[in-house]
C-alpha atoms as a PDB file:
ATOM      1  CA  MET A   1     -36.452 -32.743 -38.496  1.00  0.00           C
ATOM      2  CA  THR A   2     -39.112 -35.421 -38.866  1.00  0.00           C
ATOM      3  CA  GLU A   3     -42.120 -35.098 -36.604  1.00  0.00           C
ATOM      4  CA  LEU A   4     -45.766 -36.099 -36.670  1.00  0.00           C
ATOM      5  CA  VAL A   5     -47.214 -32.600 -37.110  1.00  0.00           C
ATOM      6  CA  GLU A   6     -47.967 -31.934 -40.766  1.00  0.00           C
ATOM      7  CA  SER A   7     -46.501 -28.775 -42.209  1.00  0.00           C
ATOM      8  CA  PRO A   8     -49.087 -26.235 -43.401  1.00  0.00           C
ATOM      9  CA  PHE A   9     -47.155 -26.136 -46.678  1.00  0.00           C
ATOM     10  CA  SER A  10     -47.139 -29.899 -47.228  1.00  0.00           C
ATOM     11  CA  ALA A  11     -47.181 -30.855 -50.873  1.00  0.00           C
ATOM     12  CA  GLY A  12     -50.440 -32.494 -51.812  1.00  0.00           C
ATOM     13  CA  ASN A  13     -52.562 -30.191 -49.656  1.00  0.00           C
ATOM     14  CA  PRO A  14     -54.899 -28.859 -52.370  1.00  0.00           C
ATOM     15  CA  GLY A  15     -56.995 -26.784 -49.979  1.00  0.00           C
ATOM     16  CA  ARG A  16     -53.997 -24.877 -48.681  1.00  0.00           C
ATOM     17  CA  GLU A  17     -52.538 -24.578 -52.177  1.00  0.00           C
ATOM     18  CA  ALA A  18     -55.736 -23.058 -53.547  1.00  0.00           C
ATOM     19  CA  ALA A  19     -55.933 -20.647 -50.633  1.00  0.00           C
ATOM     20  CA  GLU A  20     -52.358 -19.505 -51.116  1.00  0.00           C
ATOM     21  CA  ARG A  21     -52.881 -18.990 -54.829  1.00  0.00           C
ATOM     22  CA  ARG A  22     -55.975 -16.863 -54.153  1.00  0.00           C
ATOM     23  CA  ARG A  23     -53.970 -14.781 -51.697  1.00  0.00           C
ATOM     24  CA  GLY A  24     -51.120 -14.281 -54.128  1.00  0.00           C
ATOM     25  CA  GLY A  25     -48.720 -16.609 -52.317  1.00  0.00           C
ATOM     26  CA  PHE A  26     -46.623 -17.613 -55.310  1.00  0.00           C
ATOM     27  CA  VAL A  27     -44.546 -14.497 -55.994  1.00  0.00           C
ATOM     28  CA  GLY A  28     -41.288 -16.207 -55.031  1.00  0.00           C
ATOM     29  CA  SER A  29     -39.848 -18.982 -57.186  1.00  0.00           C
ATOM     30  CA  PHE A  30     -38.728 -22.352 -55.875  1.00  0.00           C
ATOM     31  CA  ASP A  31     -35.057 -21.409 -56.299  1.00  0.00           C
ATOM     32  CA  GLN A  32     -35.502 -18.144 -54.391  1.00  0.00           C
ATOM     33  CA  VAL A  33     -37.199 -19.752 -51.403  1.00  0.00           C
ATOM     34  CA  LEU A  34     -34.789 -22.696 -51.497  1.00  0.00           C
ATOM     35  CA  ALA A  35     -31.794 -20.346 -51.284  1.00  0.00           C
ATOM     36  CA  LEU A  36     -33.214 -18.688 -48.164  1.00  0.00           C
ATOM     37  CA  GLY A  37     -33.967 -22.050 -46.574  1.00  0.00           C
ATOM     38  CA  ASP A  38     -30.532 -23.426 -47.389  1.00  0.00           C
ATOM     39  CA  ASP A  39     -28.852 -20.355 -45.893  1.00  0.00           C
ATOM     40  CA  ALA A  40     -30.681 -20.920 -42.617  1.00  0.00           C
ATOM     41  CA  LEU A  41     -30.179 -24.703 -42.595  1.00  0.00           C
ATOM     42  CA  VAL A  42     -26.451 -24.600 -43.220  1.00  0.00           C
ATOM     43  CA  ALA A  43     -25.935 -21.718 -40.785  1.00  0.00           C
ATOM     44  CA  ALA A  44     -27.802 -23.740 -38.140  1.00  0.00           C
ATOM     45  CA  GLN A  45     -25.625 -26.788 -38.740  1.00  0.00           C
ATOM     46  CA  ARG A  46     -22.431 -24.769 -38.387  1.00  0.00           C
ATOM     47  CA  MET A  47     -23.652 -22.923 -35.295  1.00  0.00           C
ATOM     48  CA  SER A  48     -24.687 -26.161 -33.582  1.00  0.00           C
ATOM     49  CA  GLU A  49     -21.066 -27.300 -33.749  1.00  0.00           C
ATOM     50  CA  TRP A  50     -20.300 -24.854 -30.932  1.00  0.00           C
ATOM     51  CA  CYS A  51     -22.523 -26.741 -28.486  1.00  0.00           C
ATOM     52  CA  ALA A  52     -20.323 -27.711 -25.490  1.00  0.00           C
ATOM     53  CA  ARG A  53     -17.334 -26.006 -27.154  1.00  0.00           C
ATOM     54  CA  ALA A  54     -18.017 -22.294 -26.682  1.00  0.00           C
ATOM     55  CA  PRO A  55     -15.692 -20.158 -24.514  1.00  0.00           C
ATOM     56  CA  GLN A  56     -18.123 -20.175 -21.596  1.00  0.00           C
ATOM     57  CA  LEU A  57     -21.222 -22.044 -20.444  1.00  0.00           C
ATOM     58  CA  GLU A  58     -23.638 -19.186 -21.096  1.00  0.00           C
ATOM     59  CA  GLU A  59     -22.336 -18.939 -24.627  1.00  0.00           C
ATOM     60  CA  ASP A  60     -23.009 -22.641 -25.159  1.00  0.00           C
ATOM     61  CA  VAL A  61     -26.663 -21.927 -24.385  1.00  0.00           C
ATOM     62  CA  ALA A  62     -26.793 -18.742 -26.469  1.00  0.00           C
ATOM     63  CA  LEU A  63     -25.267 -20.272 -29.583  1.00  0.00           C
ATOM     64  CA  SER A  64     -27.416 -23.396 -29.259  1.00  0.00           C
ATOM     65  CA  ASN A  65     -30.517 -21.191 -29.107  1.00  0.00           C
ATOM     66  CA  ILE A  66     -29.390 -19.255 -32.167  1.00  0.00           C
ATOM     67  CA  ALA A  67     -28.855 -22.556 -33.993  1.00  0.00           C
ATOM     68  CA  LEU A  68     -32.387 -23.630 -33.054  1.00  0.00           C
ATOM     69  CA  ASP A  69     -33.809 -20.329 -34.313  1.00  0.00           C
ATOM     70  CA  LEU A  70     -32.040 -20.828 -37.633  1.00  0.00           C
ATOM     71  CA  LEU A  71     -33.255 -24.422 -37.836  1.00  0.00           C
ATOM     72  CA  GLY A  72     -36.826 -23.242 -37.279  1.00  0.00           C
ATOM     73  CA  GLN A  73     -36.454 -20.756 -40.127  1.00  0.00           C
ATOM     74  CA  ALA A  74     -35.027 -23.499 -42.322  1.00  0.00           C
ATOM     75  CA  ARG A  75     -37.956 -25.800 -41.598  1.00  0.00           C
ATOM     76  CA  GLU A  76     -40.529 -23.162 -42.539  1.00  0.00           C
ATOM     77  CA  LEU A  77     -38.683 -22.076 -45.669  1.00  0.00           C
ATOM     78  CA  LEU A  78     -37.886 -25.573 -46.929  1.00  0.00           C
ATOM     79  CA  SER A  79     -41.470 -26.669 -46.291  1.00  0.00           C
ATOM     80  CA  TYR A  80     -42.663 -23.726 -48.342  1.00  0.00           C
ATOM     81  CA  ALA A  81     -40.064 -24.390 -51.047  1.00  0.00           C
ATOM     82  CA  GLY A  82     -41.362 -27.952 -51.380  1.00  0.00           C
ATOM     83  CA  PHE A  83     -44.911 -26.637 -51.549  1.00  0.00           C
ATOM     84  CA  VAL A  84     -43.994 -24.148 -54.292  1.00  0.00           C
ATOM     85  CA  GLU A  85     -42.116 -26.828 -56.244  1.00  0.00           C
ATOM     86  CA  GLY A  86     -45.136 -29.118 -56.144  1.00  0.00           C
ATOM     87  CA  ALA A  87     -43.097 -32.293 -56.674  1.00  0.00           C
ATOM     88  CA  GLY A  88     -43.959 -33.972 -53.376  1.00  0.00           C
ATOM     89  CA  ARG A  89     -40.699 -33.137 -51.582  1.00  0.00           C
ATOM     90  CA  ASP A  90     -41.072 -32.037 -47.965  1.00  0.00           C
ATOM     91  CA  GLU A  91     -38.562 -30.316 -45.660  1.00  0.00           C
ATOM     92  CA  ASP A  92     -36.835 -33.609 -44.835  1.00  0.00           C
ATOM     93  CA  ALA A  93     -36.391 -34.571 -48.476  1.00  0.00           C
ATOM     94  CA  LEU A  94     -34.913 -31.177 -49.283  1.00  0.00           C
ATOM     95  CA  ALA A  95     -32.612 -31.167 -46.270  1.00  0.00           C
ATOM     96  CA  TYR A  96     -31.446 -34.776 -46.307  1.00  0.00           C
ATOM     97  CA  LEU A  97     -31.833 -36.159 -49.815  1.00  0.00           C
ATOM     98  CA  ARG A  98     -29.981 -33.646 -51.961  1.00  0.00           C
ATOM     99  CA  ASP A  99     -26.354 -33.817 -52.998  1.00  0.00           C
ATOM    100  CA  PRO A 100     -24.041 -30.882 -52.105  1.00  0.00           C
ATOM    101  CA  ASN A 101     -24.238 -29.351 -55.576  1.00  0.00           C
ATOM    102  CA  GLU A 102     -28.018 -29.115 -55.250  1.00  0.00           C
ATOM    103  CA  PHE A 103     -27.814 -26.735 -52.269  1.00  0.00           C
ATOM    104  CA  ARG A 104     -28.216 -23.029 -52.990  1.00  0.00           C
ATOM    105  CA  ASN A 105     -26.812 -21.428 -49.836  1.00  0.00           C
ATOM    106  CA  ALA A 106     -24.260 -18.645 -49.901  1.00  0.00           C
ATOM    107  CA  GLN A 107     -20.732 -19.854 -49.246  1.00  0.00           C
ATOM    108  CA  LEU A 108     -20.408 -17.597 -46.180  1.00  0.00           C
ATOM    109  CA  VAL A 109     -22.606 -19.815 -44.003  1.00  0.00           C
ATOM    110  CA  GLU A 110     -20.758 -23.022 -44.867  1.00  0.00           C
ATOM    111  CA  LEU A 111     -17.300 -21.776 -43.900  1.00  0.00           C
ATOM    112  CA  PRO A 112     -15.754 -23.750 -41.013  1.00  0.00           C
ATOM    113  CA  ASN A 113     -16.227 -22.122 -37.617  1.00  0.00           C
ATOM    114  CA  GLY A 114     -12.520 -21.642 -37.067  1.00  0.00           C
ATOM    115  CA  ASP A 115     -11.493 -19.335 -34.240  1.00  0.00           C
ATOM    116  CA  PHE A 116     -14.299 -17.918 -32.070  1.00  0.00           C
ATOM    117  CA  GLY A 117     -13.509 -14.493 -33.521  1.00  0.00           C
ATOM    118  CA  THR A 118     -14.201 -15.880 -37.000  1.00  0.00           C
ATOM    119  CA  THR A 119     -17.562 -17.233 -35.854  1.00  0.00           C
ATOM    120  CA  VAL A 120     -18.484 -13.888 -34.290  1.00  0.00           C
ATOM    121  CA  ALA A 121     -17.537 -12.048 -37.494  1.00  0.00           C
ATOM    122  CA  LYS A 122     -19.590 -14.461 -39.576  1.00  0.00           C
ATOM    123  CA  MET A 123     -22.550 -14.185 -37.195  1.00  0.00           C
ATOM    124  CA  LEU A 124     -22.387 -10.378 -37.295  1.00  0.00           C
ATOM    125  CA  CYS A 125     -22.349 -10.219 -41.093  1.00  0.00           C
ATOM    126  CA  PHE A 126     -24.993 -12.882 -41.652  1.00  0.00           C
ATOM    127  CA  ALA A 127     -27.385 -11.757 -38.902  1.00  0.00           C
ATOM    128  CA  ALA A 128     -27.346  -8.172 -40.183  1.00  0.00           C
ATOM    129  CA  TYR A 129     -28.152  -9.424 -43.681  1.00  0.00           C
ATOM    130  CA  GLN A 130     -30.909 -11.762 -42.498  1.00  0.00           C
ATOM    131  CA  ASN A 131     -32.522  -9.114 -40.316  1.00  0.00           C
ATOM    132  CA  LEU A 132     -32.708  -6.620 -43.184  1.00  0.00           C
ATOM    133  CA  LEU A 133     -33.956  -9.297 -45.583  1.00  0.00           C
ATOM    134  CA  TYR A 134     -36.708 -10.506 -43.273  1.00  0.00           C
ATOM    135  CA  GLN A 135     -37.800  -6.954 -42.527  1.00  0.00           C
ATOM    136  CA  ALA A 136     -38.308  -6.448 -46.252  1.00  0.00           C
ATOM    137  CA  LEU A 137     -40.069  -9.781 -46.765  1.00  0.00           C
ATOM    138  CA  SER A 138     -42.355  -9.296 -43.756  1.00  0.00           C
ATOM    139  CA  GLY A 139     -43.929  -6.317 -45.504  1.00  0.00           C
ATOM    140  CA  GLY A 140     -43.968  -7.929 -48.937  1.00  0.00           C
ATOM    141  CA  SER A 141     -46.823  -9.062 -51.124  1.00  0.00           C
ATOM    142  CA  GLU A 142     -46.278 -12.793 -50.640  1.00  0.00           C
ATOM    143  CA  PRO A 143     -48.341 -13.874 -47.602  1.00  0.00           C
ATOM    144  CA  ALA A 144     -46.505 -17.116 -46.867  1.00  0.00           C
ATOM    145  CA  LEU A 145     -43.075 -15.514 -46.844  1.00  0.00           C
ATOM    146  CA  ALA A 146     -44.402 -12.523 -44.921  1.00  0.00           C
ATOM    147  CA  ARG A 147     -45.599 -14.808 -42.136  1.00  0.00           C
ATOM    148  CA  ILE A 148     -42.288 -16.630 -41.922  1.00  0.00           C
ATOM    149  CA  ALA A 149     -40.300 -13.397 -42.090  1.00  0.00           C
ATOM    150  CA  ALA A 150     -42.328 -11.620 -39.414  1.00  0.00           C
ATOM    151  CA  LYS A 151     -41.271 -14.186 -36.828  1.00  0.00           C
ATOM    152  CA  ALA A 152     -37.700 -14.361 -38.089  1.00  0.00           C
ATOM    153  CA  VAL A 153     -37.238 -10.576 -37.789  1.00  0.00           C
ATOM    154  CA  LYS A 154     -37.417 -10.851 -33.991  1.00  0.00           C
ATOM    155  CA  GLU A 155     -35.055 -13.811 -33.908  1.00  0.00           C
ATOM    156  CA  THR A 156     -32.444 -12.268 -36.166  1.00  0.00           C
ATOM    157  CA  ARG A 157     -32.582  -9.020 -34.198  1.00  0.00           C
ATOM    158  CA  TYR A 158     -31.425 -10.992 -31.172  1.00  0.00           C
ATOM    159  CA  HIS A 159     -28.748 -12.758 -33.241  1.00  0.00           C
ATOM    160  CA  LEU A 160     -27.480  -9.390 -34.440  1.00  0.00           C
ATOM    161  CA  ASP A 161     -27.480  -7.875 -30.959  1.00  0.00           C
ATOM    162  CA  HIS A 162     -25.589 -10.877 -29.632  1.00  0.00           C
ATOM    163  CA  ALA A 163     -23.001 -10.651 -32.400  1.00  0.00           C
ATOM    164  CA  VAL A 164     -22.565  -6.911 -31.837  1.00  0.00           C
ATOM    165  CA  LEU A 165     -21.896  -7.412 -28.121  1.00  0.00           C
ATOM    166  CA  TRP A 166     -19.217  -9.998 -28.842  1.00  0.00           C
ATOM    167  CA  THR A 167     -17.689  -7.897 -31.628  1.00  0.00           C
ATOM    168  CA  LEU A 168     -17.327  -4.978 -29.218  1.00  0.00           C
ATOM    169  CA  ARG A 169     -16.012  -7.217 -26.442  1.00  0.00           C
ATOM    170  CA  LEU A 170     -13.379  -8.837 -28.621  1.00  0.00           C
ATOM    171  CA  GLY A 171     -12.497  -5.920 -30.871  1.00  0.00           C
ATOM    172  CA  ASP A 172     -12.089  -3.402 -28.066  1.00  0.00           C
ATOM    173  CA  GLY A 173     -10.743  -5.900 -25.523  1.00  0.00           C
ATOM    174  CA  THR A 174      -7.204  -7.164 -25.156  1.00  0.00           C
ATOM    175  CA  ALA A 175      -4.563  -6.982 -27.850  1.00  0.00           C
ATOM    176  CA  GLU A 176      -5.017 -10.711 -28.468  1.00  0.00           C
ATOM    177  CA  SER A 177      -8.818 -10.587 -28.677  1.00  0.00           C
ATOM    178  CA  HIS A 178      -8.564  -7.612 -31.039  1.00  0.00           C
ATOM    179  CA  ARG A 179      -6.117  -9.484 -33.249  1.00  0.00           C
ATOM    180  CA  ARG A 180      -8.363 -12.544 -33.440  1.00  0.00           C
ATOM    181  CA  MET A 181     -11.508 -10.536 -34.123  1.00  0.00           C
ATOM    182  CA  GLN A 182      -9.808  -8.570 -36.903  1.00  0.00           C
ATOM    183  CA  ALA A 183      -8.392 -11.768 -38.411  1.00  0.00           C
ATOM    184  CA  GLY A 184     -11.841 -13.365 -38.360  1.00  0.00           C
ATOM    185  CA  LEU A 185     -13.408 -10.343 -40.017  1.00  0.00           C
ATOM    186  CA  ASP A 186     -10.706 -10.301 -42.697  1.00  0.00           C
ATOM    187  CA  ASP A 187     -11.322 -14.003 -43.395  1.00  0.00           C
ATOM    188  CA  VAL A 188     -15.094 -13.827 -43.847  1.00  0.00           C
ATOM    189  CA  TRP A 189     -15.465 -10.396 -45.477  1.00  0.00           C
ATOM    190  CA  PRO A 190     -14.853 -11.504 -49.086  1.00  0.00           C
ATOM    191  CA  PHE A 191     -17.687 -14.045 -48.767  1.00  0.00           C
ATOM    192  CA  THR A 192     -20.218 -11.399 -47.695  1.00  0.00           C
ATOM    193  CA  HIS A 193     -20.511 -10.031 -51.230  1.00  0.00           C
ATOM    194  CA  GLU A 194     -22.396 -13.114 -52.387  1.00  0.00           C
ATOM    195  CA  LEU A 195     -25.185 -12.347 -49.906  1.00  0.00           C
ATOM    196  CA  PHE A 196     -26.211  -9.410 -52.050  1.00  0.00           C
ATOM    197  CA  GLU A 197     -26.564 -11.225 -55.322  1.00  0.00           C
ATOM    198  CA  PRO A 198     -30.252 -10.692 -56.132  1.00  0.00           C
ATOM    199  CA  ILE A 199     -32.614 -13.299 -54.714  1.00  0.00           C
ATOM    200  CA  VAL A 200     -35.646 -11.071 -54.297  1.00  0.00           C
ATOM    201  CA  PRO A 201     -36.121  -8.897 -57.427  1.00  0.00           C
ATOM    202  CA  GLY A 202     -35.653  -5.188 -56.805  1.00  0.00           C
ATOM    203  CA  LEU A 203     -34.313  -5.641 -53.267  1.00  0.00           C
ATOM    204  CA  SER A 204     -30.872  -4.115 -52.659  1.00  0.00           C
ATOM    205  CA  LEU A 205     -29.486  -4.614 -49.161  1.00  0.00           C
ATOM    206  CA  ARG A 206     -25.771  -3.837 -49.475  1.00  0.00           C
ATOM    207  CA  ALA A 207     -26.015  -0.141 -48.548  1.00  0.00           C
ATOM    208  CA  PRO A 208     -28.279  -0.582 -45.496  1.00  0.00           C
ATOM    209  CA  TRP A 209     -26.145  -3.569 -44.444  1.00  0.00           C
ATOM    210  CA  LEU A 210     -23.012  -1.445 -44.476  1.00  0.00           C
ATOM    211  CA  ALA A 211     -24.882   1.220 -42.522  1.00  0.00           C
ATOM    212  CA  LEU A 212     -25.451  -1.383 -39.803  1.00  0.00           C
ATOM    213  CA  ILE A 213     -21.999  -2.962 -39.875  1.00  0.00           C
ATOM    214  CA  GLU A 214     -19.641  -0.009 -40.200  1.00  0.00           C
ATOM    215  CA  PRO A 215     -20.570   1.836 -36.945  1.00  0.00           C
ATOM    216  CA  VAL A 216     -20.112  -1.424 -35.027  1.00  0.00           C
ATOM    217  CA  LEU A 217     -16.627  -1.880 -36.467  1.00  0.00           C
ATOM    218  CA  VAL A 218     -15.697   1.696 -35.553  1.00  0.00           C
ATOM    219  CA  SER A 219     -16.898   1.218 -31.966  1.00  0.00           C
ATOM    220  CA  ALA A 220     -14.987  -2.052 -31.757  1.00  0.00           C
ATOM    221  CA  THR A 221     -11.790  -0.363 -33.046  1.00  0.00           C
ATOM    222  CA  LEU A 222     -11.778  -2.732 -36.026  1.00  0.00           C
ATOM    223  CA  ARG A 223     -10.733  -1.929 -39.562  1.00  0.00           C
ATOM    224  CA  ARG A 224     -13.256  -2.605 -42.290  1.00  0.00           C
ATOM    225  CA  PRO A 225     -11.583  -4.959 -44.792  1.00  0.00           C
ATOM    226  CA  VAL A 226     -10.951  -3.603 -48.261  1.00  0.00           C
ATOM    227  CA  ASP A 227     -13.335  -4.900 -50.924  1.00  0.00           C
ATOM    228  CA  GLY A 228     -11.585  -6.987 -53.522  1.00  0.00           C
ATOM    229  CA  TRP A 229     -11.724 -10.738 -54.054  1.00  0.00           C
ATOM    230  CA  ALA A 230     -15.389 -11.772 -53.922  1.00  0.00           C
ATOM    231  CA  PRO A 231     -15.899 -15.555 -54.208  1.00  0.00           C
ATOM    232  CA  THR A 232     -19.245 -16.650 -55.554  1.00  0.00           C
ATOM    233  CA  GLY A 233     -21.108 -19.672 -56.882  1.00  0.00           C
ATOM    234  CA  GLY A 234     -23.027 -20.946 -53.856  1.00  0.00           C
ATOM    235  CA  ARG A 235     -26.361 -19.899 -55.340  1.00  0.00           C
ATOM    236  CA  GLN A 236     -25.509 -22.034 -58.387  1.00  0.00           C
ATOM    237  CA  GLY A 237     -24.427 -25.072 -56.373  1.00  0.00           C
ATOM    238  CA  LEU A 238     -20.667 -24.372 -56.318  1.00  0.00           C
ATOM    239  CA  HIS A 239     -19.384 -24.795 -52.778  1.00  0.00           C
ATOM    240  CA  THR A 240     -16.193 -24.893 -50.753  1.00  0.00           C
ATOM    241  CA  GLU A 241     -14.322 -28.107 -50.034  1.00  0.00           C
ATOM    242  CA  ALA A 242     -15.559 -28.097 -46.437  1.00  0.00           C
ATOM    243  CA  PHE A 243     -19.204 -28.161 -47.522  1.00  0.00           C
ATOM    244  CA  GLY A 244     -19.198 -31.790 -48.619  1.00  0.00           C
ATOM    245  CA  TYR A 245     -18.161 -32.892 -45.131  1.00  0.00           C
ATOM    246  CA  LEU A 246     -20.845 -30.696 -43.550  1.00  0.00           C
ATOM    247  CA  VAL A 247     -23.580 -32.200 -45.740  1.00  0.00           C
ATOM    248  CA  MET A 248     -22.360 -35.718 -45.035  1.00  0.00           C
ATOM    249  CA  GLU A 249     -22.614 -35.096 -41.286  1.00  0.00           C
ATOM    250  CA  LEU A 250     -26.003 -33.376 -41.642  1.00  0.00           C
ATOM    251  CA  GLN A 251     -27.524 -36.244 -43.617  1.00  0.00           C
ATOM    252  CA  ALA A 252     -25.835 -39.288 -42.040  1.00  0.00           C
ATOM    253  CA  VAL A 253     -28.615 -40.360 -39.656  1.00  0.00           C
ATOM    254  CA  HIS A 254     -31.478 -39.811 -42.104  1.00  0.00           C
ATOM    255  CA  ARG A 255     -29.741 -41.722 -44.883  1.00  0.00           C
ATOM    256  CA  ALA A 256     -28.877 -44.563 -42.504  1.00  0.00           C
ATOM    257  CA  TYR A 257     -32.427 -44.761 -41.096  1.00  0.00           C
ATOM    258  CA  PRO A 258     -34.713 -43.284 -43.790  1.00  0.00           C
ATOM    259  CA  GLU A 259     -37.887 -44.536 -42.122  1.00  0.00           C
ATOM    260  CA  GLY A 260     -36.879 -43.466 -38.624  1.00  0.00           C
ATOM    261  CA  ARG A 261     -39.293 -41.458 -36.479  1.00  0.00           C
ATOM    262  CA  TRP A 262     -38.470 -39.641 -33.269  1.00  0.00           C
END
């Protein structure tokens, strides 16, 4: 992440801080912004694992671009989180110098990629959630988040469209592709409930999210999983076993070369 261009949200920028305060840019708390940034960062790390491993060459490029979009969102959000915190931590410190239990991402995004059908199901569920969330934030009263969200709306719309196309292709394809897509959906569905634990006060996205997801599942001849077990805890720093390995891989280079510049 490190580069020579200073973030506009850099801690210790009193001019920018004063301007944001005058414009009402401190509606969101540090924990709220951090959760959004961690969602994007961890989703980017998982998605990047498909580079050179996707089912076809074009999909390598598509998934790599989606990972880069998510990383860009993470950079903006973590920079702003550090600015709101006011403790001198920048995007790199928040990404690379926290232990796993200090991350506030939903458990959905940290789940191992698994079968390609599982990744498509996860991408469908998460992209629909992100797109609705960023639409709401782009019209909100917090200028900094509105600016970040306005750009992310366009990106997540593409992510959602891409996931829908693959859901239809796999779900309504061969018997084997249908089986794998349904299995992937069944695996990730319980973890979607945590996405709708309130981050932004007064914002309820579950109903509009279902309105986006359910018609896609019908068109793809997929069965919507029954709601039941709903694991939680990611927003409080409780994560799956796989998350520790993901964080270790994410942070390895920075911790080995803390003064490195590229």
